[in-house]
Amino acid sequence: MPRDFFRQNFLKSYMELSLDKVSNVRVQVAVASLTIRPYFDNEVDLQLELIEMMNRLATDSDHDVVEAAEHAEFEVL
């Protein structure tokens, strides 16, 4: 999928899912961050948004969300 297509059609919705009230949705956002990360390469602003989102998930009130976010961050490093 081309990066521009992803940005125009899916990025905003994906980022909003990280704020969903259902914890399993937030877990899946953290897991999917590994898959969508290449769409953020070479885009500093988008990388900062992704980092901010992952930091928010890593401090979530739900333990499963925190665990998924920490695992995703570990895989990225």
Protein backbone atom coordinates (compact mmCIF):
# COMPACT_ATOMS: atom_id res chain seq x y z
CA MET A 1 0.00 0.00 0.00
CA PRO A 2 1.49 3.38 -0.93
CA ARG A 3 2.41 5.67 1.96
CA ASP A 4 0.35 8.59 0.71
CA PHE A 5 -2.73 6.38 0.44
CA PHE A 6 -2.21 5.14 3.99
CA ARG A 7 -1.74 8.66 5.33
CA GLN A 8 -4.77 10.04 3.55
CA ASN A 9 -7.17 7.21 4.32
CA PHE A 10 -6.08 5.40 7.47
CA LEU A 11 -3.65 7.37 9.61
CA LYS A 12 -6.14 9.60 11.41
CA SER A 13 -8.47 6.69 12.18
CA TYR A 14 -5.58 4.54 13.37
CA MET A 15 -4.33 7.24 15.74
CA GLU A 16 -7.83 7.79 17.11
CA LEU A 17 -8.16 4.09 17.91
CA SER A 18 -5.39 4.51 20.49
CA LEU A 19 -7.93 6.53 22.51
CA ASP A 20 -10.73 3.97 22.24
CA LYS A 21 -12.49 3.10 25.49
CA VAL A 22 -12.21 -0.65 24.79
CA SER A 23 -8.87 -1.86 26.09
CA ASN A 24 -8.55 -4.69 23.54
CA VAL A 25 -8.76 -2.13 20.73
CA ARG A 26 -5.88 -0.20 22.33
CA VAL A 27 -3.92 -3.46 22.65
CA GLN A 28 -4.39 -4.13 18.94
CA VAL A 29 -3.26 -0.59 18.10
CA ALA A 30 -0.03 -1.24 20.00
CA VAL A 31 0.46 -4.58 18.23
CA ALA A 32 -0.29 -3.04 14.81
CA SER A 33 2.27 -0.30 15.40
CA LEU A 34 4.96 -2.79 14.38
CA THR A 35 3.24 -3.32 11.03
CA ILE A 36 2.51 0.31 10.23
CA ARG A 37 5.84 1.69 11.42
CA PRO A 38 7.38 1.69 7.90
CA TYR A 39 4.71 4.19 6.85
CA PHE A 40 6.26 6.64 9.31
CA ASP A 41 9.84 6.35 8.05
CA ASN A 42 11.37 9.57 6.72
CA GLU A 43 8.51 11.59 8.25
CA VAL A 44 9.71 13.20 11.48
CA ASP A 45 6.31 14.66 12.38
CA LEU A 46 4.60 11.30 11.96
CA GLN A 47 7.31 9.52 13.94
CA LEU A 48 6.80 11.98 16.80
CA GLU A 49 3.06 11.31 16.72
CA LEU A 50 3.71 7.57 16.84
CA ILE A 51 6.11 7.98 19.77
CA GLU A 52 3.58 10.14 21.61
CA MET A 53 0.84 7.58 20.99
CA MET A 54 3.04 4.70 22.20
CA ASN A 55 4.01 6.66 25.32
CA ARG A 56 0.32 7.22 26.04
CA LEU A 57 -0.37 3.50 25.61
CA ALA A 58 2.60 2.60 27.81
CA THR A 59 1.04 4.59 30.66
CA ASP A 60 -2.49 3.28 30.13
CA SER A 61 -4.61 2.22 33.09
CA ASP A 62 -5.05 -1.29 31.66
CA HIS A 63 -2.19 -3.72 32.28
CA ASP A 64 -2.66 -5.55 28.95
CA VAL A 65 -2.38 -2.30 27.00
CA VAL A 66 0.81 -1.36 28.86
CA GLU A 67 2.29 -4.80 28.24
CA ALA A 68 1.47 -4.68 24.50
CA ALA A 69 2.90 -1.17 24.17
CA GLU A 70 6.11 -2.14 25.98
CA HIS A 71 6.48 -5.24 23.81
CA ALA A 72 5.98 -3.20 20.65
CA GLU A 73 8.54 -0.62 21.78
CA PHE A 74 11.01 -3.40 22.57
CA GLU A 75 10.54 -4.91 19.10
CA VAL A 76 11.08 -1.54 17.41
CA LEU A 77 14.36 -1.02 19.22
